[in-house]
């Protein structure tokens, strides 16, 4: 009997010949049958765990992912200052040629439509690895972040830099322009005091970057771009105990942006402890300077989240798996709190 939620056959678009080859490679036996389970909760396309059943009784699995970035699939990308997707392809296609200890094994990386559609087959890290815990994971990962960024440098040096995101002043100007348009349209349809307050402060938010980020250019380096705990897989012991997934937002930026992604859902005391632990590993700056840069990156991420999700809700309506109204309002409140702190 097929387990609940598992479907017989091969997911649409996955190469049957590749699965046959992987079964021989991973199980040393011919492929008997295939089943799969959908992993994506809300995307029309997404990821699957594909189970390979060998003819001699062996069983293993791989992760198949199809990613599409057209505005018809993701309305929030219409007018967005950057287009995710190309960074992940750059990282994973390089990883297929020159494996990195931070990447899962990459068996296939295809660009089906430039900048719009990609297909991948990855090593399945489960059950050897598990998703980082929101509390313990944050505590363990924050002090390791400088060494993680240092480990990314050799990989990023092999990449086509034009495919990576530059989180620079041009990106920032584009983000704030996009956010102004997105949140204005959102507030017209779903009037919200927190959103309106962000709109009232938008010009001062953008101008505040100059004073906060002055002298920070030397800190720019390789960044994962979406370093939240759901994208970090940890093994309890042994070598290569850390793997990163979902590289759609990879590029060059302040390292504190990855720290902000890591702890954005944590309690305030956990956030402060994480910044302190990170600062101890980078003593060239004072803890106060680290906190200031962290708070700016957290604010900037809040602007991205609020405006991106506002467009998704306005165009697509409510999501069955995510309370978009709450997410937008909560992000707007966080922006307002951080702005007051930074002022």
C-alpha atoms as a PDB file:
ATOM      1  CA  UNK A   1       0.000   0.000   0.000  1.00  0.00           C
ATOM      2  CA  UNK A   2       1.236   3.507  -0.899  1.00  0.00           C
ATOM      3  CA  UNK A   3       1.977   5.653   2.217  1.00  0.00           C
ATOM      4  CA  UNK A   4      -0.384   8.590   2.757  1.00  0.00           C
ATOM      5  CA  UNK A   5       0.670  11.609   0.723  1.00  0.00           C
ATOM      6  CA  UNK A   6       2.954   9.562  -1.495  1.00  0.00           C
ATOM      7  CA  UNK A   7       2.180   9.139  -5.198  1.00  0.00           C
ATOM      8  CA  UNK A   8       3.272   6.417  -7.579  1.00  0.00           C
ATOM      9  CA  UNK A   9       5.304   7.405 -10.618  1.00  0.00           C
ATOM     10  CA  UNK A  10       7.678  10.213 -11.534  1.00  0.00           C
ATOM     11  CA  UNK A  11       6.886  13.926 -10.973  1.00  0.00           C
ATOM     12  CA  UNK A  12       6.282  15.881 -14.154  1.00  0.00           C
ATOM     13  CA  UNK A  13       9.495  17.060 -15.783  1.00  0.00           C
ATOM     14  CA  UNK A  14      11.884  14.769 -13.900  1.00  0.00           C
ATOM     15  CA  UNK A  15      14.215  12.810 -16.184  1.00  0.00           C
ATOM     16  CA  UNK A  16      13.509   9.065 -15.908  1.00  0.00           C
ATOM     17  CA  UNK A  17      16.921   8.166 -17.345  1.00  0.00           C
ATOM     18  CA  UNK A  18      18.623  10.264 -14.682  1.00  0.00           C
ATOM     19  CA  UNK A  19      16.673   8.454 -11.945  1.00  0.00           C
ATOM     20  CA  UNK A  20      17.713   5.094 -13.397  1.00  0.00           C
ATOM     21  CA  UNK A  21      21.332   6.202 -13.388  1.00  0.00           C
ATOM     22  CA  UNK A  22      21.099   7.516  -9.829  1.00  0.00           C
ATOM     23  CA  UNK A  23      19.573   4.265  -8.600  1.00  0.00           C
ATOM     24  CA  UNK A  24      22.515   2.349 -10.058  1.00  0.00           C
ATOM     25  CA  UNK A  25      24.924   4.868  -8.537  1.00  0.00           C
ATOM     26  CA  UNK A  26      23.376   5.118  -5.070  1.00  0.00           C
ATOM     27  CA  UNK A  27      21.997   1.602  -4.568  1.00  0.00           C
ATOM     28  CA  UNK A  28      24.161  -0.440  -6.963  1.00  0.00           C
ATOM     29  CA  UNK A  29      21.012  -2.060  -8.343  1.00  0.00           C
ATOM     30  CA  UNK A  30      18.560  -1.431 -11.204  1.00  0.00           C
ATOM     31  CA  UNK A  31      15.583   0.842 -10.645  1.00  0.00           C
ATOM     32  CA  UNK A  32      12.348  -1.002 -10.005  1.00  0.00           C
ATOM     33  CA  UNK A  33       9.779   1.724  -9.407  1.00  0.00           C
ATOM     34  CA  UNK A  34       9.475   5.376  -8.373  1.00  0.00           C
ATOM     35  CA  UNK A  35       7.195   7.217  -5.963  1.00  0.00           C
ATOM     36  CA  UNK A  36       7.218  10.803  -4.739  1.00  0.00           C
ATOM     37  CA  UNK A  37       5.910  13.196  -2.109  1.00  0.00           C
ATOM     38  CA  UNK A  38       5.325  16.913  -2.651  1.00  0.00           C
ATOM     39  CA  UNK A  39       7.311  19.161  -0.303  1.00  0.00           C
ATOM     40  CA  UNK A  40       6.129  22.615  -1.367  1.00  0.00           C
ATOM     41  CA  UNK A  41       3.116  23.854   0.569  1.00  0.00           C
ATOM     42  CA  UNK A  42       2.082  26.942  -1.395  1.00  0.00           C
ATOM     43  CA  UNK A  43       3.903  27.178  -4.738  1.00  0.00           C
ATOM     44  CA  UNK A  44       2.244  25.909  -7.911  1.00  0.00           C
ATOM     45  CA  UNK A  45       5.634  24.460  -8.801  1.00  0.00           C
ATOM     46  CA  UNK A  46       8.130  23.327  -6.262  1.00  0.00           C
ATOM     47  CA  UNK A  47      10.058  20.496  -4.672  1.00  0.00           C
ATOM     48  CA  UNK A  48       9.478  16.779  -4.367  1.00  0.00           C
ATOM     49  CA  UNK A  49      11.114  13.970  -2.444  1.00  0.00           C
ATOM     50  CA  UNK A  50      11.474  11.260  -5.062  1.00  0.00           C
ATOM     51  CA  UNK A  51      11.809   7.706  -3.735  1.00  0.00           C
ATOM     52  CA  UNK A  52      13.841   5.257  -5.820  1.00  0.00           C
ATOM     53  CA  UNK A  53      12.920   1.626  -5.181  1.00  0.00           C
ATOM     54  CA  UNK A  54      15.576  -0.801  -6.390  1.00  0.00           C
ATOM     55  CA  UNK A  55      14.677  -4.154  -7.900  1.00  0.00           C
ATOM     56  CA  UNK A  56      16.621  -5.931  -5.159  1.00  0.00           C
ATOM     57  CA  UNK A  57      14.735  -4.223  -2.342  1.00  0.00           C
ATOM     58  CA  UNK A  58      16.947  -1.190  -1.736  1.00  0.00           C
ATOM     59  CA  UNK A  59      15.433   2.257  -1.331  1.00  0.00           C
ATOM     60  CA  UNK A  60      16.843   5.765  -1.433  1.00  0.00           C
ATOM     61  CA  UNK A  61      15.577   9.219  -2.304  1.00  0.00           C
ATOM     62  CA  UNK A  62      16.564  12.445  -4.034  1.00  0.00           C
ATOM     63  CA  UNK A  63      15.077  15.952  -4.099  1.00  0.00           C
ATOM     64  CA  UNK A  64      13.669  17.219  -7.407  1.00  0.00           C
ATOM     65  CA  UNK A  65      12.938  20.930  -7.727  1.00  0.00           C
ATOM     66  CA  UNK A  66      11.398  23.002 -10.496  1.00  0.00           C
ATOM     67  CA  UNK A  67      11.504  26.757  -9.953  1.00  0.00           C
ATOM     68  CA  UNK A  68       9.668  29.375 -12.025  1.00  0.00           C
ATOM     69  CA  UNK A  69      10.048  33.109 -11.591  1.00  0.00           C
ATOM     70  CA  UNK A  70       7.678  34.712 -14.074  1.00  0.00           C
ATOM     71  CA  UNK A  71       5.278  37.368 -12.769  1.00  0.00           C
ATOM     72  CA  UNK A  72       2.378  35.071 -13.692  1.00  0.00           C
ATOM     73  CA  UNK A  73       3.744  32.536 -11.176  1.00  0.00           C
ATOM     74  CA  UNK A  74       4.904  35.060  -8.575  1.00  0.00           C
ATOM     75  CA  UNK A  75       3.118  38.414  -9.022  1.00  0.00           C
ATOM     76  CA  UNK A  76       5.379  40.105  -6.469  1.00  0.00           C
ATOM     77  CA  UNK A  77       8.266  39.851  -8.936  1.00  0.00           C
ATOM     78  CA  UNK A  78       6.606  42.356 -11.302  1.00  0.00           C
ATOM     79  CA  UNK A  79       8.725  45.473 -10.840  1.00  0.00           C
ATOM     80  CA  UNK A  80      10.891  43.875  -8.157  1.00  0.00           C
ATOM     81  CA  UNK A  81      14.472  45.250  -8.244  1.00  0.00           C
ATOM     82  CA  UNK A  82      16.105  41.858  -8.688  1.00  0.00           C
ATOM     83  CA  UNK A  83      15.057  38.476 -10.058  1.00  0.00           C
ATOM     84  CA  UNK A  84      15.808  35.468  -7.840  1.00  0.00           C
ATOM     85  CA  UNK A  85      16.587  32.208  -9.572  1.00  0.00           C
ATOM     86  CA  UNK A  86      19.744  33.047 -11.470  1.00  0.00           C
ATOM     87  CA  UNK A  87      21.791  33.046  -8.231  1.00  0.00           C
ATOM     88  CA  UNK A  88      20.663  29.532  -7.305  1.00  0.00           C
ATOM     89  CA  UNK A  89      21.454  28.266 -10.789  1.00  0.00           C
ATOM     90  CA  UNK A  90      24.902  29.866 -10.651  1.00  0.00           C
ATOM     91  CA  UNK A  91      25.650  28.286  -7.271  1.00  0.00           C
ATOM     92  CA  UNK A  92      24.211  24.850  -8.016  1.00  0.00           C
ATOM     93  CA  UNK A  93      25.629  24.470 -11.518  1.00  0.00           C
ATOM     94  CA  UNK A  94      29.063  25.342 -10.106  1.00  0.00           C
ATOM     95  CA  UNK A  95      28.441  22.943  -7.226  1.00  0.00           C
ATOM     96  CA  UNK A  96      27.767  20.162  -9.701  1.00  0.00           C
ATOM     97  CA  UNK A  97      31.244  20.708 -11.188  1.00  0.00           C
ATOM     98  CA  UNK A  98      33.191  21.676  -8.057  1.00  0.00           C
ATOM     99  CA  UNK A  99      31.353  20.373  -4.974  1.00  0.00           C
ATOM    100  CA  UNK A 100      31.349  22.638  -1.940  1.00  0.00           C
ATOM    101  CA  UNK A 101      31.084  21.274   1.624  1.00  0.00           C
ATOM    102  CA  UNK A 102      28.174  23.694   2.206  1.00  0.00           C
ATOM    103  CA  UNK A 103      26.106  22.344  -0.707  1.00  0.00           C
ATOM    104  CA  UNK A 104      24.112  19.139  -0.956  1.00  0.00           C
ATOM    105  CA  UNK A 105      25.158  16.953  -3.844  1.00  0.00           C
ATOM    106  CA  UNK A 106      23.898  18.387  -7.141  1.00  0.00           C
ATOM    107  CA  UNK A 107      22.969  15.694  -9.670  1.00  0.00           C
ATOM    108  CA  UNK A 108      21.326  18.005 -12.191  1.00  0.00           C
ATOM    109  CA  UNK A 109      21.086  21.784 -12.709  1.00  0.00           C
ATOM    110  CA  UNK A 110      19.265  23.021 -15.811  1.00  0.00           C
ATOM    111  CA  UNK A 111      18.260  26.492 -16.940  1.00  0.00           C
ATOM    112  CA  UNK A 112      15.158  25.822 -19.051  1.00  0.00           C
ATOM    113  CA  UNK A 113      14.299  29.494 -19.728  1.00  0.00           C
ATOM    114  CA  UNK A 114      16.920  32.149 -18.984  1.00  0.00           C
ATOM    115  CA  UNK A 115      16.180  33.852 -15.655  1.00  0.00           C
ATOM    116  CA  UNK A 116      12.686  32.338 -15.549  1.00  0.00           C
ATOM    117  CA  UNK A 117      12.681  28.546 -15.219  1.00  0.00           C
ATOM    118  CA  UNK A 118      15.080  26.048 -13.684  1.00  0.00           C
ATOM    119  CA  UNK A 119      15.163  22.362 -12.836  1.00  0.00           C
ATOM    120  CA  UNK A 120      17.343  20.578 -10.284  1.00  0.00           C
ATOM    121  CA  UNK A 121      17.927  17.186  -8.724  1.00  0.00           C
ATOM    122  CA  UNK A 122      19.747  17.199  -5.383  1.00  0.00           C
ATOM    123  CA  UNK A 123      21.036  14.797  -2.780  1.00  0.00           C
ATOM    124  CA  UNK A 124      18.374  14.157  -0.126  1.00  0.00           C
ATOM    125  CA  UNK A 125      19.897  15.200   3.198  1.00  0.00           C
ATOM    126  CA  UNK A 126      17.175  13.587   5.340  1.00  0.00           C
ATOM    127  CA  UNK A 127      17.430  11.682   7.695  1.00  0.00           C
ATOM    128  CA  UNK A 128      21.175  12.248   8.123  1.00  0.00           C
ATOM    129  CA  UNK A 129      20.590  15.997   8.438  1.00  0.00           C
ATOM    130  CA  UNK A 130      17.701  17.886  10.011  1.00  0.00           C
ATOM    131  CA  UNK A 131      16.429  21.471   9.774  1.00  0.00           C
ATOM    132  CA  UNK A 132      18.101  23.825  12.241  1.00  0.00           C
ATOM    133  CA  UNK A 133      16.095  24.462  15.379  1.00  0.00           C
ATOM    134  CA  UNK A 134      14.718  28.007  15.813  1.00  0.00           C
ATOM    135  CA  UNK A 135      16.291  28.383  19.271  1.00  0.00           C
ATOM    136  CA  UNK A 136      19.235  26.017  19.527  1.00  0.00           C
ATOM    137  CA  UNK A 137      20.021  26.466  15.838  1.00  0.00           C
ATOM    138  CA  UNK A 138      20.237  30.238  16.174  1.00  0.00           C
ATOM    139  CA  UNK A 139      22.540  29.945  19.178  1.00  0.00           C
ATOM    140  CA  UNK A 140      24.843  27.535  17.324  1.00  0.00           C
ATOM    141  CA  UNK A 141      24.829  29.261  13.953  1.00  0.00           C
ATOM    142  CA  UNK A 142      25.329  32.921  14.905  1.00  0.00           C
ATOM    143  CA  UNK A 143      28.967  32.530  16.038  1.00  0.00           C
ATOM    144  CA  UNK A 144      29.678  30.266  13.053  1.00  0.00           C
ATOM    145  CA  UNK A 145      28.405  32.743  10.485  1.00  0.00           C
ATOM    146  CA  UNK A 146      31.793  34.454   9.863  1.00  0.00           C
ATOM    147  CA  UNK A 147      33.431  31.101   9.087  1.00  0.00           C
ATOM    148  CA  UNK A 148      30.470  30.117   6.888  1.00  0.00           C
ATOM    149  CA  UNK A 149      30.883  33.304   4.871  1.00  0.00           C
ATOM    150  CA  UNK A 150      34.625  32.646   4.596  1.00  0.00           C
ATOM    151  CA  UNK A 151      33.849  29.143   3.275  1.00  0.00           C
ATOM    152  CA  UNK A 152      31.588  30.644   0.616  1.00  0.00           C
ATOM    153  CA  UNK A 153      34.368  32.797  -0.834  1.00  0.00           C
ATOM    154  CA  UNK A 154      36.136  30.037  -2.860  1.00  0.00           C
ATOM    155  CA  UNK A 155      32.807  28.907  -4.347  1.00  0.00           C
ATOM    156  CA  UNK A 156      31.699  32.432  -5.242  1.00  0.00           C
ATOM    157  CA  UNK A 157      35.023  33.118  -6.953  1.00  0.00           C
ATOM    158  CA  UNK A 158      34.123  30.448  -9.532  1.00  0.00           C
ATOM    159  CA  UNK A 159      30.707  31.980 -10.332  1.00  0.00           C
ATOM    160  CA  UNK A 160      29.504  34.347 -13.022  1.00  0.00           C
ATOM    161  CA  UNK A 161      29.076  37.437 -10.860  1.00  0.00           C
ATOM    162  CA  UNK A 162      26.425  38.852 -13.208  1.00  0.00           C
ATOM    163  CA  UNK A 163      24.067  36.093 -12.001  1.00  0.00           C
ATOM    164  CA  UNK A 164      24.462  37.021  -8.339  1.00  0.00           C
ATOM    165  CA  UNK A 165      22.587  39.754  -6.497  1.00  0.00           C
ATOM    166  CA  UNK A 166      24.489  42.866  -5.469  1.00  0.00           C
ATOM    167  CA  UNK A 167      22.888  44.187  -2.310  1.00  0.00           C
ATOM    168  CA  UNK A 168      24.236  47.665  -2.959  1.00  0.00           C
ATOM    169  CA  UNK A 169      22.898  51.230  -3.125  1.00  0.00           C
ATOM    170  CA  UNK A 170      21.204  50.584  -6.489  1.00  0.00           C
ATOM    171  CA  UNK A 171      19.414  47.553  -5.068  1.00  0.00           C
ATOM    172  CA  UNK A 172      18.397  49.562  -2.011  1.00  0.00           C
ATOM    173  CA  UNK A 173      16.994  52.419  -4.117  1.00  0.00           C
ATOM    174  CA  UNK A 174      15.062  49.931  -6.244  1.00  0.00           C
ATOM    175  CA  UNK A 175      13.720  48.154  -3.164  1.00  0.00           C
ATOM    176  CA  UNK A 176      12.412  51.336  -1.542  1.00  0.00           C
ATOM    177  CA  UNK A 177      10.817  52.478  -4.809  1.00  0.00           C
ATOM    178  CA  UNK A 178       9.162  49.074  -5.218  1.00  0.00           C
ATOM    179  CA  UNK A 179       8.027  49.107  -1.574  1.00  0.00           C
ATOM    180  CA  UNK A 180       6.465  52.552  -1.935  1.00  0.00           C
ATOM    181  CA  UNK A 181       4.420  51.445  -4.955  1.00  0.00           C
ATOM    182  CA  UNK A 182       3.513  48.069  -3.451  1.00  0.00           C
ATOM    183  CA  UNK A 183       2.457  49.326  -0.033  1.00  0.00           C
ATOM    184  CA  UNK A 184       0.558  52.298  -1.485  1.00  0.00           C
ATOM    185  CA  UNK A 185      -1.512  49.951  -3.645  1.00  0.00           C
ATOM    186  CA  UNK A 186      -1.957  47.579  -0.699  1.00  0.00           C
ATOM    187  CA  UNK A 187      -3.138  50.316   1.673  1.00  0.00           C
ATOM    188  CA  UNK A 188      -5.646  51.528  -0.909  1.00  0.00           C
ATOM    189  CA  UNK A 189      -7.237  48.073  -0.938  1.00  0.00           C
ATOM    190  CA  UNK A 190      -6.573  46.924   2.638  1.00  0.00           C
ATOM    191  CA  UNK A 191      -6.252  50.096   4.764  1.00  0.00           C
ATOM    192  CA  UNK A 192      -3.792  49.484   7.567  1.00  0.00           C
ATOM    193  CA  UNK A 193      -2.322  51.917  10.105  1.00  0.00           C
ATOM    194  CA  UNK A 194       1.020  50.099  10.369  1.00  0.00           C
ATOM    195  CA  UNK A 195       1.480  50.084   6.595  1.00  0.00           C
ATOM    196  CA  UNK A 196       0.530  53.753   6.354  1.00  0.00           C
ATOM    197  CA  UNK A 197       3.086  54.626   9.009  1.00  0.00           C
ATOM    198  CA  UNK A 198       5.819  52.922   6.981  1.00  0.00           C
ATOM    199  CA  UNK A 199       4.736  54.851   3.896  1.00  0.00           C
ATOM    200  CA  UNK A 200       4.873  58.119   5.853  1.00  0.00           C
ATOM    201  CA  UNK A 201       8.435  57.299   6.934  1.00  0.00           C
ATOM    202  CA  UNK A 202       9.663  55.835   3.628  1.00  0.00           C
ATOM    203  CA  UNK A 203      11.737  58.825   2.486  1.00  0.00           C
ATOM    204  CA  UNK A 204      13.440  59.090   5.876  1.00  0.00           C
ATOM    205  CA  UNK A 205      14.008  55.326   5.946  1.00  0.00           C
ATOM    206  CA  UNK A 206      15.840  55.488   2.641  1.00  0.00           C
ATOM    207  CA  UNK A 207      17.923  58.529   3.566  1.00  0.00           C
ATOM    208  CA  UNK A 208      18.863  56.878   6.868  1.00  0.00           C
ATOM    209  CA  UNK A 209      20.963  54.320   4.995  1.00  0.00           C
ATOM    210  CA  UNK A 210      23.678  56.908   4.361  1.00  0.00           C
ATOM    211  CA  UNK A 211      24.369  57.557   8.037  1.00  0.00           C
ATOM    212  CA  UNK A 212      24.013  53.941   9.151  1.00  0.00           C
ATOM    213  CA  UNK A 213      26.003  52.298   6.342  1.00  0.00           C
ATOM    214  CA  UNK A 214      28.812  54.828   6.074  1.00  0.00           C
ATOM    215  CA  UNK A 215      32.143  53.001   6.070  1.00  0.00           C
ATOM    216  CA  UNK A 216      30.534  49.566   5.739  1.00  0.00           C
ATOM    217  CA  UNK A 217      31.611  48.933   2.133  1.00  0.00           C
ATOM    218  CA  UNK A 218      34.684  46.968   3.270  1.00  0.00           C
ATOM    219  CA  UNK A 219      32.408  44.438   4.966  1.00  0.00           C
ATOM    220  CA  UNK A 220      30.608  43.401   1.760  1.00  0.00           C
ATOM    221  CA  UNK A 221      31.156  39.757   0.902  1.00  0.00           C
ATOM    222  CA  UNK A 222      29.497  36.490  -0.159  1.00  0.00           C
ATOM    223  CA  UNK A 223      26.063  35.990   1.398  1.00  0.00           C
ATOM    224  CA  UNK A 224      23.455  33.247   1.218  1.00  0.00           C
ATOM    225  CA  UNK A 225      20.708  35.875   1.127  1.00  0.00           C
ATOM    226  CA  UNK A 226      17.980  33.837   2.870  1.00  0.00           C
ATOM    227  CA  UNK A 227      19.807  32.350   5.822  1.00  0.00           C
ATOM    228  CA  UNK A 228      16.798  31.384   7.912  1.00  0.00           C
ATOM    229  CA  UNK A 229      16.749  28.184   9.922  1.00  0.00           C
ATOM    230  CA  UNK A 230      14.525  26.366   7.402  1.00  0.00           C
ATOM    231  CA  UNK A 231      17.344  26.664   4.841  1.00  0.00           C
ATOM    232  CA  UNK A 232      20.056  25.297   7.151  1.00  0.00           C
ATOM    233  CA  UNK A 233      20.464  21.543   7.547  1.00  0.00           C
ATOM    234  CA  UNK A 234      22.558  20.283  10.470  1.00  0.00           C
ATOM    235  CA  UNK A 235      24.052  16.882  11.192  1.00  0.00           C
ATOM    236  CA  UNK A 236      24.610  16.013  14.837  1.00  0.00           C
ATOM    237  CA  UNK A 237      28.227  14.951  14.442  1.00  0.00           C
ATOM    238  CA  UNK A 238      30.968  14.272  11.953  1.00  0.00           C
ATOM    239  CA  UNK A 239      32.528  16.216   9.112  1.00  0.00           C
ATOM    240  CA  UNK A 240      30.503  18.483   6.831  1.00  0.00           C
ATOM    241  CA  UNK A 241      27.941  18.930   9.594  1.00  0.00           C
ATOM    242  CA  UNK A 242      26.257  21.877   7.862  1.00  0.00           C
ATOM    243  CA  UNK A 243      24.501  22.165   4.488  1.00  0.00           C
ATOM    244  CA  UNK A 244      22.680  25.159   3.036  1.00  0.00           C
ATOM    245  CA  UNK A 245      19.732  24.901   0.641  1.00  0.00           C
ATOM    246  CA  UNK A 246      17.625  27.373  -1.390  1.00  0.00           C
ATOM    247  CA  UNK A 247      20.195  29.762  -2.881  1.00  0.00           C
ATOM    248  CA  UNK A 248      17.697  31.944  -4.777  1.00  0.00           C
ATOM    249  CA  UNK A 249      18.831  35.164  -3.063  1.00  0.00           C
ATOM    250  CA  UNK A 250      22.596  34.531  -3.044  1.00  0.00           C
ATOM    251  CA  UNK A 251      24.937  37.409  -3.754  1.00  0.00           C
ATOM    252  CA  UNK A 252      27.242  39.978  -2.234  1.00  0.00           C
ATOM    253  CA  UNK A 253      26.120  42.064   0.708  1.00  0.00           C
ATOM    254  CA  UNK A 254      26.605  42.845   4.369  1.00  0.00           C
ATOM    255  CA  UNK A 255      27.121  39.678   6.429  1.00  0.00           C
ATOM    256  CA  UNK A 256      24.686  41.088   8.986  1.00  0.00           C
ATOM    257  CA  UNK A 257      21.873  40.518   6.465  1.00  0.00           C
ATOM    258  CA  UNK A 258      22.307  36.750   6.865  1.00  0.00           C
ATOM    259  CA  UNK A 259      22.355  37.236  10.625  1.00  0.00           C
ATOM    260  CA  UNK A 260      19.091  39.201  10.380  1.00  0.00           C
ATOM    261  CA  UNK A 261      17.491  36.395   8.345  1.00  0.00           C
ATOM    262  CA  UNK A 262      18.661  33.831  10.872  1.00  0.00           C
ATOM    263  CA  UNK A 263      17.098  35.481  13.917  1.00  0.00           C
ATOM    264  CA  UNK A 264      14.186  37.480  12.486  1.00  0.00           C
ATOM    265  CA  UNK A 265      11.586  35.217  14.155  1.00  0.00           C
ATOM    266  CA  UNK A 266      13.454  34.852  17.447  1.00  0.00           C
ATOM    267  CA  UNK A 267      12.629  36.542  20.737  1.00  0.00           C
ATOM    268  CA  UNK A 268      14.445  39.853  21.407  1.00  0.00           C
ATOM    269  CA  UNK A 269      16.755  38.300  24.007  1.00  0.00           C
ATOM    270  CA  UNK A 270      17.753  35.584  21.510  1.00  0.00           C
ATOM    271  CA  UNK A 271      18.441  38.220  18.851  1.00  0.00           C
ATOM    272  CA  UNK A 272      20.688  40.219  21.193  1.00  0.00           C
ATOM    273  CA  UNK A 273      22.556  37.091  22.273  1.00  0.00           C
ATOM    274  CA  UNK A 274      23.061  36.119  18.610  1.00  0.00           C
ATOM    275  CA  UNK A 275      24.483  39.546  17.703  1.00  0.00           C
ATOM    276  CA  UNK A 276      26.787  39.401  20.726  1.00  0.00           C
ATOM    277  CA  UNK A 277      28.007  35.905  19.770  1.00  0.00           C
ATOM    278  CA  UNK A 278      28.579  37.020  16.181  1.00  0.00           C
ATOM    279  CA  UNK A 279      30.417  40.193  17.285  1.00  0.00           C
ATOM    280  CA  UNK A 280      32.826  38.155  19.410  1.00  0.00           C
ATOM    281  CA  UNK A 281      34.027  36.445  16.219  1.00  0.00           C
ATOM    282  CA  UNK A 282      34.550  39.750  14.380  1.00  0.00           C
ATOM    283  CA  UNK A 283      36.284  41.984  16.932  1.00  0.00           C
ATOM    284  CA  UNK A 284      37.366  44.537  14.313  1.00  0.00           C
ATOM    285  CA  UNK A 285      34.058  46.316  14.975  1.00  0.00           C
ATOM    286  CA  UNK A 286      32.517  47.203  18.314  1.00  0.00           C
ATOM    287  CA  UNK A 287      29.474  45.292  19.434  1.00  0.00           C
ATOM    288  CA  UNK A 288      27.487  48.533  19.128  1.00  0.00           C
ATOM    289  CA  UNK A 289      28.503  48.886  15.468  1.00  0.00           C
ATOM    290  CA  UNK A 290      27.558  45.265  14.791  1.00  0.00           C
ATOM    291  CA  UNK A 291      24.168  45.871  16.407  1.00  0.00           C
ATOM    292  CA  UNK A 292      23.571  48.979  14.318  1.00  0.00           C
ATOM    293  CA  UNK A 293      24.375  47.177  11.051  1.00  0.00           C
ATOM    294  CA  UNK A 294      22.293  44.189  12.120  1.00  0.00           C
ATOM    295  CA  UNK A 295      19.302  46.422  12.884  1.00  0.00           C
ATOM    296  CA  UNK A 296      19.583  48.176   9.530  1.00  0.00           C
ATOM    297  CA  UNK A 297      19.698  44.821   7.703  1.00  0.00           C
ATOM    298  CA  UNK A 298      16.708  43.657   9.732  1.00  0.00           C
ATOM    299  CA  UNK A 299      14.835  46.826   8.737  1.00  0.00           C
ATOM    300  CA  UNK A 300      15.739  46.371   5.079  1.00  0.00           C
ATOM    301  CA  UNK A 301      14.576  42.748   5.205  1.00  0.00           C
ATOM    302  CA  UNK A 302      11.325  43.916   6.779  1.00  0.00           C
ATOM    303  CA  UNK A 303      10.770  46.323   3.889  1.00  0.00           C
ATOM    304  CA  UNK A 304      11.336  43.475   1.432  1.00  0.00           C
ATOM    305  CA  UNK A 305       9.006  41.074   3.277  1.00  0.00           C
ATOM    306  CA  UNK A 306       6.210  43.612   3.777  1.00  0.00           C
ATOM    307  CA  UNK A 307       6.164  44.858   0.188  1.00  0.00           C
ATOM    308  CA  UNK A 308       6.680  41.452  -1.455  1.00  0.00           C
ATOM    309  CA  UNK A 309       3.911  39.763   0.543  1.00  0.00           C
ATOM    310  CA  UNK A 310       1.634  42.790   0.173  1.00  0.00           C
ATOM    311  CA  UNK A 311       1.734  42.372  -3.594  1.00  0.00           C
ATOM    312  CA  UNK A 312       1.166  38.630  -3.334  1.00  0.00           C
ATOM    313  CA  UNK A 313      -1.959  39.164  -1.214  1.00  0.00           C
ATOM    314  CA  UNK A 314      -3.289  42.027  -3.333  1.00  0.00           C
ATOM    315  CA  UNK A 315      -2.955  40.102  -6.609  1.00  0.00           C
ATOM    316  CA  UNK A 316      -3.614  36.486  -5.573  1.00  0.00           C
ATOM    317  CA  UNK A 317      -5.826  36.933  -2.516  1.00  0.00           C
ATOM    318  CA  UNK A 318      -5.504  34.934   0.679  1.00  0.00           C
ATOM    319  CA  UNK A 319      -3.112  32.000   1.011  1.00  0.00           C
ATOM    320  CA  UNK A 320      -4.314  28.706   2.543  1.00  0.00           C
ATOM    321  CA  UNK A 321      -0.923  28.133   4.188  1.00  0.00           C
ATOM    322  CA  UNK A 322       0.202  31.636   5.196  1.00  0.00           C
ATOM    323  CA  UNK A 323      -1.652  34.486   6.909  1.00  0.00           C
ATOM    324  CA  UNK A 324      -0.479  37.191   4.532  1.00  0.00           C
ATOM    325  CA  UNK A 325      -2.445  39.975   6.241  1.00  0.00           C
ATOM    326  CA  UNK A 326      -0.713  39.249   9.541  1.00  0.00           C
ATOM    327  CA  UNK A 327       2.699  38.907   7.856  1.00  0.00           C
ATOM    328  CA  UNK A 328       2.420  42.288   6.131  1.00  0.00           C
ATOM    329  CA  UNK A 329       1.206  44.081   9.263  1.00  0.00           C
ATOM    330  CA  UNK A 330       3.806  42.412  11.489  1.00  0.00           C
ATOM    331  CA  UNK A 331       6.624  43.323   9.086  1.00  0.00           C
ATOM    332  CA  UNK A 332       5.358  46.906   8.978  1.00  0.00           C
ATOM    333  CA  UNK A 333       5.361  47.097  12.791  1.00  0.00           C
ATOM    334  CA  UNK A 334       8.913  45.736  12.942  1.00  0.00           C
ATOM    335  CA  UNK A 335      10.037  48.348  10.389  1.00  0.00           C
ATOM    336  CA  UNK A 336       8.499  51.149  12.457  1.00  0.00           C
ATOM    337  CA  UNK A 337      10.110  49.895  15.692  1.00  0.00           C
ATOM    338  CA  UNK A 338      13.544  49.587  14.084  1.00  0.00           C
ATOM    339  CA  UNK A 339      13.264  53.009  12.484  1.00  0.00           C
ATOM    340  CA  UNK A 340      12.600  54.563  15.869  1.00  0.00           C
ATOM    341  CA  UNK A 341      15.579  52.706  17.328  1.00  0.00           C
ATOM    342  CA  UNK A 342      17.926  53.712  14.526  1.00  0.00           C
ATOM    343  CA  UNK A 343      16.798  57.328  14.617  1.00  0.00           C
END
